[in-house]
Amino acid sequence: MFLHIDIDSFFASAERSMNSSLKGIPMAVGSRSNLEIFNKKRTYIKLMNDNTGAFVTPVFYSDKKKTFESYFVDETEGRKKVRGIVTTASYEARACGVKTAMPIAQALQLCPQMTVVPSNYPLYHKLSHQIHAFMLAHIPKVEQYSIDEFFGDVSGWKTDEEVYVFAKELQAKILEHFDIPVSIGISKAKWIAKLATESAKPYGVFEVKDIDAYIEDIPIKKFPGIGKGFQKRLGEHYISTLGDVKRHKALFESWKKPGIQLYARVTGTDHEGISVQGERKSIGISRTFDAILDTDEIKRRIMIMARHIIYMVMAIEVNPTSYYLKIGYEYGVKAKKTLTVNRMFSETLFKSILTKMYEEIVLVDKGAIKLTLNVSNFSTQQKKTFSLMDLDEDMENHILSKEIQKLRERFGLDIIKTGDEL
């Protein structure tokens, strides 16, 4: 028996738990790409990396206090422009048509009376971590699935007759202890419990007792893991509901492992348990900004972002062997490259390879507006053998990187920079 606990409008609820004047009014939490890391002066950026859920990413932040004017409003040539996007909207704001990922300027046109609060990721990570610990004290097995979602396994601990009342009590305790509302889905299948939470929102508890009856008329887009591409593929077979999925078992079996897994999840026959401790499989960072034509400045920003990746890699002590660089240009033009290197990771190696990757894909005379870096395929997970030709040099550079890491952990992430960051 599984519970899926989803924090309602988490970022908005977190802000309301700290400021009661935000309760009951249209409000949203907004964010914009944090460009502080590109400043040439010291910024004293810190890393928040306490949570380990499947989709809980580390966050870099500074203690600089943000207001709406200072964070969202830019003034150029005497004209003010509101930037940023909505990350979470309260249900009062959603009633006005405000949606996640909507530009804040557009959201304020739809809902002029809405209050917009700058995002405070350290607060959200701290609360998420505390709520996780709270649930571990009340449920034998808990999986943190994302920053605002958790699975609980109460099999053999609560009977079928007890589980609904237990979920209501847990919901009330979380509200009392944290002033945070949650919705809870209940089912004997893990992914059906997650689906049931959508039926529970906002601030409800919904138990699925008959899986076949429950899924019959639910659109396929509602099921976790069925994206737009797969929706189109299913549409070609006239499959539009989860009930249709159940009636096409042979089709899904013909799609081998992915199809078989999806069919089992949809029908509640997957028998999947929860993952108490999820391993991080990749580390990434991206930044969006106004168009830049200067190729040297683009490279400088890549190197700064690389330093942040390096800090995370050294902090969790993994050895990535796949490097990814993507440059987004104006008008939808993109350039990207992936490279696999079976070598011991170091700052020297990573930055030198990134430089070569950048030189291979850079587009001159086009304005870059987004940079994305990612490392994956950790050798501790893949059991790869390093290149013996470069091992002595790589070990030396790796040791140097570890010593630099100690200084950054003590004095700040930007206490030491390489020349290509200046």
Protein backbone atom coordinates (compact mmCIF):
# COMPACT_ATOMS: atom_id res chain seq x y z
CA MET A 1 0.00 0.00 0.00
CA PHE A 2 1.48 3.32 -1.11
CA LEU A 3 0.92 6.95 -0.25
CA HIS A 4 1.96 9.73 -2.60
CA ILE A 5 2.32 13.00 -0.72
CA ASP A 6 2.43 16.15 -2.85
CA ILE A 7 2.87 19.60 -1.31
CA ASP A 8 0.21 21.93 -2.71
CA SER A 9 1.74 24.88 -4.63
CA PHE A 10 4.91 24.27 -2.65
CA PHE A 11 6.89 27.46 -3.21
CA ALA A 12 3.78 29.61 -2.67
CA SER A 13 2.84 27.58 0.43
CA ALA A 14 6.38 27.92 1.77
CA GLU A 15 6.23 31.70 1.41
CA ARG A 16 2.82 31.77 3.10
CA SER A 17 4.14 29.73 6.02
CA MET A 18 6.64 32.54 6.60
CA ASN A 19 4.29 35.45 5.82
CA SER A 20 0.62 35.01 6.73
CA SER A 21 -0.38 38.20 4.86
CA LEU A 22 0.07 36.22 1.62
CA LYS A 23 -2.66 33.73 2.58
CA GLY A 24 -6.00 33.87 0.75
CA ILE A 25 -4.85 36.30 -1.93
CA PRO A 26 -3.67 35.78 -5.52
CA MET A 27 0.10 35.36 -5.26
CA ALA A 28 2.93 33.74 -7.14
CA VAL A 29 6.56 32.92 -6.69
CA GLY A 30 8.69 34.05 -9.60
CA SER A 31 12.26 33.57 -10.65
CA ARG A 32 14.67 34.63 -13.32
CA SER A 33 17.97 33.23 -14.42
CA ASN A 34 20.53 33.92 -11.71
CA LEU A 35 23.26 35.84 -13.52
CA GLU A 36 25.16 36.84 -10.38
CA ILE A 37 27.66 34.07 -11.02
CA PHE A 38 28.97 35.98 -14.06
CA ASN A 39 29.96 39.06 -12.01
CA LYS A 40 33.69 39.74 -12.07
CA LYS A 41 33.66 40.77 -8.41
CA ARG A 42 33.33 38.20 -5.62
CA THR A 43 29.73 37.13 -5.11
CA TYR A 44 29.99 34.71 -2.15
CA ILE A 45 27.71 32.19 -3.89
CA LYS A 46 26.77 29.17 -1.75
CA LEU A 47 25.53 25.69 -2.61
CA MET A 48 22.37 24.08 -1.20
CA ASN A 49 22.62 20.31 -1.69
CA ASP A 50 20.83 18.64 1.23
CA ASN A 51 18.08 16.73 -0.60
CA THR A 52 18.52 13.61 -2.71
CA GLY A 53 15.21 13.08 -4.55
CA ALA A 54 15.03 11.93 -8.15
CA PHE A 55 14.37 15.45 -9.42
CA VAL A 56 15.80 17.56 -6.60
CA THR A 57 18.59 19.58 -8.13
CA PRO A 58 21.29 21.39 -6.15
CA VAL A 59 20.88 25.16 -6.11
CA PHE A 60 23.42 27.98 -6.02
CA TYR A 61 22.36 31.06 -4.14
CA SER A 62 23.54 34.20 -2.37
CA ASP A 63 22.26 35.79 0.84
CA LYS A 64 21.51 39.04 -0.98
CA LYS A 65 17.96 40.15 -0.08
CA LYS A 66 15.63 40.37 -3.10
CA THR A 67 12.66 42.63 -3.64
CA PHE A 68 10.30 42.71 -6.62
CA GLU A 69 11.88 45.90 -7.99
CA SER A 70 15.47 44.80 -7.50
CA TYR A 71 14.95 41.28 -8.80
CA PHE A 72 12.35 41.41 -11.57
CA VAL A 73 12.55 44.97 -12.94
CA ASP A 74 15.24 46.14 -15.37
CA GLU A 75 15.48 49.74 -16.47
CA THR A 76 17.09 50.59 -19.81
CA GLU A 77 16.89 53.94 -21.58
CA GLY A 78 14.39 55.20 -19.03
CA ARG A 79 11.97 52.33 -19.60
CA LYS A 80 11.18 49.63 -17.06
CA LYS A 81 10.77 46.01 -18.13
CA VAL A 82 9.50 43.19 -15.93
CA ARG A 83 11.47 39.98 -16.46
CA GLY A 84 11.22 36.46 -15.09
CA ILE A 85 8.69 33.63 -15.07
CA VAL A 86 6.13 32.21 -12.67
CA THR A 87 7.49 29.13 -10.91
CA THR A 88 4.45 28.52 -8.69
CA ALA A 89 1.06 30.23 -8.51
CA SER A 90 -1.48 30.01 -5.71
CA TYR A 91 -4.89 28.59 -6.52
CA GLU A 92 -6.34 32.12 -6.27
CA ALA A 93 -3.93 33.25 -9.00
CA ARG A 94 -4.63 30.16 -11.09
CA ALA A 95 -8.31 31.11 -11.09
CA CYS A 96 -7.27 34.24 -13.03
CA GLY A 97 -5.47 32.15 -15.66
CA VAL A 98 -1.95 32.37 -14.23
CA LYS A 99 0.12 29.27 -15.02
CA THR A 100 3.56 27.89 -14.22
CA ALA A 101 6.32 29.07 -16.63
CA MET A 102 4.22 32.05 -17.75
CA PRO A 103 6.15 35.34 -18.05
CA ILE A 104 5.48 37.46 -14.96
CA ALA A 105 4.61 40.46 -17.12
CA GLN A 106 1.86 38.43 -18.80
CA ALA A 107 0.65 37.01 -15.47
CA LEU A 108 0.28 40.52 -14.03
CA GLN A 109 -1.83 41.54 -17.02
CA LEU A 110 -4.17 38.63 -16.32
CA CYS A 111 -4.16 39.24 -12.56
CA PRO A 112 -3.11 42.85 -11.76
CA GLN A 113 -3.86 42.42 -8.05
CA MET A 114 -1.47 39.46 -7.77
CA THR A 115 1.49 39.69 -5.39
CA VAL A 116 4.73 38.31 -6.83
CA VAL A 117 7.43 37.12 -4.44
CA PRO A 118 11.04 36.45 -5.54
CA SER A 119 12.01 32.79 -5.16
CA ASN A 120 13.86 31.70 -2.04
CA TYR A 121 15.34 28.29 -2.85
CA PRO A 122 17.27 27.87 0.41
CA LEU A 123 13.93 28.11 2.24
CA TYR A 124 12.29 25.55 -0.07
CA HIS A 125 15.15 23.09 0.24
CA LYS A 126 15.22 23.49 4.02
CA LEU A 127 11.46 22.93 4.35
CA SER A 128 11.53 19.98 1.94
CA HIS A 129 14.33 18.40 3.96
CA GLN A 130 12.44 18.94 7.23
CA ILE A 131 9.18 17.53 5.85
CA HIS A 132 11.07 14.48 4.58
CA ALA A 133 12.53 13.91 8.05
CA PHE A 134 9.08 14.41 9.61
CA MET A 135 7.55 11.75 7.38
CA LEU A 136 10.38 9.31 8.12
CA ALA A 137 9.31 9.58 11.76
CA HIS A 138 5.75 8.57 10.81
CA ILE A 139 6.19 6.09 7.91
CA PRO A 140 8.62 3.10 7.80
CA LYS A 141 9.81 3.72 4.22
CA VAL A 142 9.85 7.09 2.47
CA GLU A 143 11.18 8.07 -0.96
CA GLN A 144 11.80 11.71 -1.80
CA TYR A 145 10.74 11.81 -5.43
CA SER A 146 11.18 15.56 -5.98
CA ILE A 147 11.50 18.70 -3.90
CA ASP A 148 7.74 18.65 -3.20
CA GLU A 149 6.76 14.98 -3.70
CA PHE A 150 7.24 11.90 -1.55
CA PHE A 151 6.22 8.25 -1.69
CA GLY A 152 5.47 6.34 1.49
CA ASP A 153 5.23 2.55 1.74
CA VAL A 154 2.90 1.42 4.55
CA SER A 155 2.59 -2.19 3.37
CA GLY A 156 2.21 -4.60 6.29
CA TRP A 157 2.12 -1.67 8.71
CA LYS A 158 -1.34 -0.23 8.07
CA THR A 159 -4.32 -2.34 7.01
CA ASP A 160 -6.48 -1.43 4.03
CA GLU A 161 -9.13 -0.20 6.44
CA GLU A 162 -6.69 1.99 8.40
CA VAL A 163 -4.76 3.68 5.58
CA TYR A 164 -7.24 6.44 4.67
CA VAL A 165 -7.62 7.61 8.27
CA PHE A 166 -3.83 7.45 8.70
CA ALA A 167 -3.35 9.64 5.58
CA LYS A 168 -5.84 12.22 6.91
CA GLU A 169 -4.03 12.30 10.24
CA LEU A 170 -0.64 12.69 8.55
CA GLN A 171 -1.99 15.51 6.39
CA ALA A 172 -3.31 17.32 9.49
CA LYS A 173 -0.02 16.86 11.37
CA ILE A 174 2.04 18.32 8.50
CA LEU A 175 -0.28 21.33 8.33
CA GLU A 176 -0.09 21.83 12.09
CA HIS A 177 3.68 21.40 12.30
CA PHE A 178 4.81 23.28 9.15
CA ASP A 179 1.74 25.30 8.14
CA ILE A 180 2.10 23.59 4.76
CA PRO A 181 -0.88 21.94 2.97
CA VAL A 182 -0.37 18.59 1.24
CA SER A 183 -2.53 16.33 -0.90
CA ILE A 184 -2.27 12.55 -0.64
CA GLY A 185 -3.05 9.77 -3.11
CA ILE A 186 -3.45 6.18 -1.93
CA SER A 187 -3.23 2.95 -3.92
CA LYS A 188 -1.77 -0.55 -3.86
CA ALA A 189 0.30 0.49 -6.92
CA LYS A 190 2.97 3.17 -6.65
CA TRP A 191 2.26 5.14 -9.84
CA ILE A 192 -1.51 4.93 -9.40
CA ALA A 193 -1.01 6.56 -5.99
CA LYS A 194 0.83 9.41 -7.71
CA LEU A 195 -2.00 9.72 -10.24
CA ALA A 196 -4.56 9.70 -7.41
CA THR A 197 -2.97 12.78 -5.88
CA GLU A 198 -4.21 14.81 -8.85
CA SER A 199 -7.74 13.76 -7.87
CA ALA A 200 -7.03 14.81 -4.26
CA LYS A 201 -5.85 18.37 -4.96
CA PRO A 202 -6.08 20.83 -3.42
CA TYR A 203 -5.61 19.70 0.18
CA GLY A 204 -7.42 16.40 -0.08
CA VAL A 205 -6.93 12.66 0.30
CA PHE A 206 -8.03 10.27 -2.46
CA GLU A 207 -7.88 6.50 -2.26
CA VAL A 208 -8.06 4.27 -5.33
CA LYS A 209 -9.67 0.95 -4.45
CA ASP A 210 -10.61 -0.22 -7.95
CA ILE A 211 -7.74 0.63 -10.33
CA ASP A 212 -9.53 -0.50 -13.50
CA ALA A 213 -12.56 1.68 -12.83
CA TYR A 214 -10.42 4.65 -11.78
CA ILE A 215 -8.20 4.76 -14.88
CA GLU A 216 -10.96 4.10 -17.43
CA ASP A 217 -11.65 7.69 -18.54
CA ILE A 218 -8.43 9.46 -17.47
CA PRO A 219 -6.61 11.10 -20.43
CA ILE A 220 -3.20 9.59 -21.18
CA LYS A 221 -1.49 12.99 -20.74
CA LYS A 222 -2.34 12.88 -17.03
CA PHE A 223 -0.19 9.82 -16.38
CA PRO A 224 3.38 10.48 -15.17
CA GLY A 225 5.90 9.58 -17.85
CA ILE A 226 3.67 9.96 -20.90
CA GLY A 227 5.08 13.04 -22.65
CA LYS A 228 3.91 14.80 -25.80
CA GLY A 229 5.94 12.54 -28.09
CA PHE A 230 4.46 9.38 -26.65
CA GLN A 231 0.98 10.92 -26.60
CA LYS A 232 1.28 11.44 -30.36
CA ARG A 233 2.47 7.87 -30.83
CA LEU A 234 -0.47 6.53 -28.84
CA GLY A 235 -2.87 8.81 -30.71
CA GLU A 236 -1.85 7.11 -33.94
CA HIS A 237 -3.33 3.92 -32.44
CA TYR A 238 -6.48 5.76 -31.27
CA ILE A 239 -5.44 5.46 -27.63
CA SER A 240 -6.61 8.53 -25.72
CA THR A 241 -7.40 7.26 -22.20
CA LEU A 242 -5.70 5.00 -19.69
CA GLY A 243 -8.59 2.60 -20.15
CA ASP A 244 -7.61 2.36 -23.83
CA VAL A 245 -4.07 1.53 -22.73
CA LYS A 246 -5.32 -1.41 -20.67
CA ARG A 247 -7.14 -2.81 -23.71
CA HIS A 248 -3.98 -2.78 -25.90
CA LYS A 249 -1.61 -5.02 -23.94
CA ALA A 250 -0.22 -6.76 -27.03
CA LEU A 251 0.69 -3.40 -28.61
CA PHE A 252 2.67 -2.29 -25.56
CA GLU A 253 4.42 -5.67 -25.33
CA SER A 254 5.53 -5.22 -28.95
CA TRP A 255 7.37 -2.05 -27.86
CA LYS A 256 9.58 -4.20 -25.61
CA LYS A 257 10.84 -2.97 -22.22
CA PRO A 258 9.59 0.68 -22.27
CA GLY A 259 6.13 -0.36 -23.47
CA ILE A 260 5.89 -3.27 -21.03
CA GLN A 261 6.95 -1.05 -18.11
CA LEU A 262 4.46 1.68 -19.01
CA TYR A 263 1.60 -0.80 -19.42
CA ALA A 264 2.36 -2.31 -16.00
CA ARG A 265 2.46 1.10 -14.35
CA VAL A 266 -0.80 2.26 -15.93
CA THR A 267 -2.63 -0.93 -14.95
CA GLY A 268 -1.12 -1.08 -11.47
CA THR A 269 0.62 -4.40 -12.10
CA ASP A 270 4.21 -3.11 -11.94
CA HIS A 271 4.93 -4.32 -8.36
CA GLU A 272 7.50 -1.50 -8.04
CA GLY A 273 8.68 -0.58 -4.57
CA ILE A 274 10.05 2.72 -3.44
CA SER A 275 13.66 3.83 -3.63
CA VAL A 276 14.76 4.97 -0.18
CA GLN A 277 17.97 6.60 -1.45
CA GLY A 278 18.20 7.69 -5.06
CA GLU A 279 21.63 8.11 -6.63
CA ARG A 280 22.28 11.25 -8.61
CA LYS A 281 22.93 10.28 -12.21
CA SER A 282 23.91 13.66 -13.64
CA ILE A 283 24.83 17.20 -12.64
CA GLY A 284 23.79 20.16 -14.74
CA ILE A 285 23.51 23.92 -14.78
CA SER A 286 21.94 26.34 -17.26
CA ARG A 287 21.58 30.11 -17.56
CA THR A 288 19.45 32.33 -19.82
CA PHE A 289 20.35 35.95 -20.60
CA ASP A 290 20.04 38.73 -23.16
CA ALA A 291 21.70 37.98 -26.50
CA ILE A 292 25.52 38.07 -26.49
CA LEU A 293 27.54 38.29 -29.72
CA ASP A 294 30.98 38.42 -28.11
CA THR A 295 32.34 34.85 -28.43
CA ASP A 296 34.99 35.48 -25.76
CA GLU A 297 32.27 36.49 -23.26
CA ILE A 298 30.27 33.38 -24.10
CA LYS A 299 33.34 31.24 -23.45
CA ARG A 300 34.00 33.09 -20.18
CA ARG A 301 30.49 32.30 -19.00
CA ILE A 302 30.90 28.64 -19.93
CA MET A 303 34.06 28.46 -17.82
CA ILE A 304 32.30 30.06 -14.84
CA MET A 305 29.43 27.59 -15.12
CA ALA A 306 32.03 24.82 -15.40
CA ARG A 307 33.52 25.89 -12.05
CA HIS A 308 30.10 25.41 -10.46
CA ILE A 309 29.77 21.95 -12.02
CA ILE A 310 33.27 21.07 -10.80
CA TYR A 311 32.37 22.18 -7.26
CA MET A 312 29.35 19.83 -7.20
CA VAL A 313 31.30 16.92 -8.72
CA MET A 314 34.04 17.22 -6.13
CA ALA A 315 31.51 17.69 -3.31
CA ILE A 316 29.69 14.41 -3.98
CA GLU A 317 32.90 12.60 -5.02
CA VAL A 318 31.88 11.14 -8.37
CA ASN A 319 33.77 10.83 -11.66
CA PRO A 320 31.67 11.89 -14.68
CA THR A 321 32.82 10.58 -18.04
CA SER A 322 30.22 12.19 -20.35
CA TYR A 323 30.28 15.95 -20.93
CA TYR A 324 27.48 17.93 -22.59
CA LEU A 325 27.45 21.51 -23.85
CA LYS A 326 24.51 23.25 -25.47
CA ILE A 327 24.31 26.83 -26.73
CA GLY A 328 20.93 28.36 -27.46
CA TYR A 329 20.94 31.23 -29.94
CA GLU A 330 18.27 33.72 -30.97
CA TYR A 331 15.37 32.60 -33.19
CA GLY A 332 15.47 29.01 -31.95
CA VAL A 333 18.94 28.15 -33.31
CA LYS A 334 20.79 25.59 -31.15
CA ALA A 335 24.24 24.05 -31.16
CA LYS A 336 25.23 21.15 -28.93
CA LYS A 337 27.88 18.50 -28.42
CA THR A 338 28.35 15.45 -26.20
CA LEU A 339 31.71 13.83 -25.55
CA THR A 340 32.65 10.72 -23.57
CA VAL A 341 36.08 10.72 -21.94
CA ASN A 342 37.23 7.73 -19.86
CA ARG A 343 39.60 9.74 -17.71
CA MET A 344 39.91 10.83 -14.09
CA PHE A 345 37.95 14.06 -13.62
CA SER A 346 39.72 17.32 -12.77
CA GLU A 347 39.17 21.03 -13.27
CA THR A 348 42.02 21.19 -15.77
CA LEU A 349 40.66 18.33 -17.87
CA PHE A 350 37.03 19.45 -17.80
CA LYS A 351 37.74 23.04 -18.77
CA SER A 352 40.19 22.08 -21.52
CA ILE A 353 37.70 19.67 -23.11
CA LEU A 354 34.86 22.17 -22.78
CA THR A 355 37.02 24.74 -24.58
CA LYS A 356 37.51 22.35 -27.52
CA MET A 357 33.80 21.48 -27.57
CA TYR A 358 32.90 25.16 -27.58
CA GLU A 359 35.30 25.93 -30.45
CA GLU A 360 33.70 23.14 -32.50
CA ILE A 361 30.10 24.32 -32.13
CA VAL A 362 30.27 28.11 -31.64
CA LEU A 363 28.32 30.13 -34.20
CA VAL A 364 29.82 33.51 -35.05
CA ASP A 365 27.55 36.52 -35.67
CA LYS A 366 24.64 34.94 -33.79
CA GLY A 367 23.48 36.08 -30.37
CA ALA A 368 23.72 33.43 -27.65
CA ILE A 369 20.86 33.55 -25.14
CA LYS A 370 21.21 30.28 -23.17
CA LEU A 371 24.03 28.02 -22.01
CA THR A 372 23.61 24.49 -20.62
CA LEU A 373 26.32 22.26 -19.17
CA ASN A 374 25.82 18.71 -17.94
CA VAL A 375 28.02 15.84 -16.79
CA SER A 376 26.84 12.23 -16.41
CA ASN A 377 27.85 8.55 -16.66
CA PHE A 378 29.70 8.48 -13.36
CA SER A 379 32.48 5.90 -13.48
CA THR A 380 31.60 4.67 -9.96
CA GLN A 381 28.24 3.57 -11.40
CA GLN A 382 29.43 2.41 -14.82
CA LYS A 383 32.62 0.63 -13.63
CA LYS A 384 34.68 2.08 -16.47
CA THR A 385 38.45 1.77 -16.82
CA PHE A 386 40.41 5.00 -17.10
CA SER A 387 42.85 5.69 -19.91
CA LEU A 388 46.28 4.46 -18.77
CA MET A 389 48.05 6.80 -21.21
CA ASP A 390 46.89 9.86 -19.27
CA LEU A 391 46.58 8.38 -15.79
CA ASP A 392 49.67 9.99 -14.18
CA GLU A 393 48.75 13.47 -15.44
CA ASP A 394 45.09 13.00 -14.53
CA MET A 395 45.89 11.83 -10.99
CA GLU A 396 48.09 14.87 -10.47
CA ASN A 397 45.37 17.23 -11.72
CA HIS A 398 42.71 15.42 -9.69
CA ILE A 399 44.74 15.86 -6.48
CA LEU A 400 45.12 19.57 -7.30
CA SER A 401 41.35 19.85 -7.84
CA LYS A 402 40.72 18.27 -4.43
CA GLU A 403 43.00 20.81 -2.75
CA ILE A 404 41.26 23.69 -4.56
CA GLN A 405 37.91 22.21 -3.44
CA LYS A 406 38.99 22.46 0.22
CA LEU A 407 39.72 26.16 -0.22
CA ARG A 408 36.38 26.77 -1.99
CA GLU A 409 34.46 24.94 0.70
CA ARG A 410 36.13 27.07 3.37
CA PHE A 411 36.28 30.50 1.73
CA GLY A 412 33.62 30.45 -0.99
CA LEU A 413 33.06 29.02 -4.44
CA ASP A 414 34.75 31.92 -6.21
CA ILE A 415 37.84 32.28 -3.99
CA ILE A 416 39.88 30.70 -6.81
CA LYS A 417 39.17 31.31 -10.49
CA THR A 418 41.08 30.34 -13.60
CA GLY A 419 42.27 32.99 -16.05
CA ASP A 420 39.63 32.12 -18.65
CA GLU A 421 36.90 33.22 -16.19
CA LEU A 422 38.18 36.80 -15.91
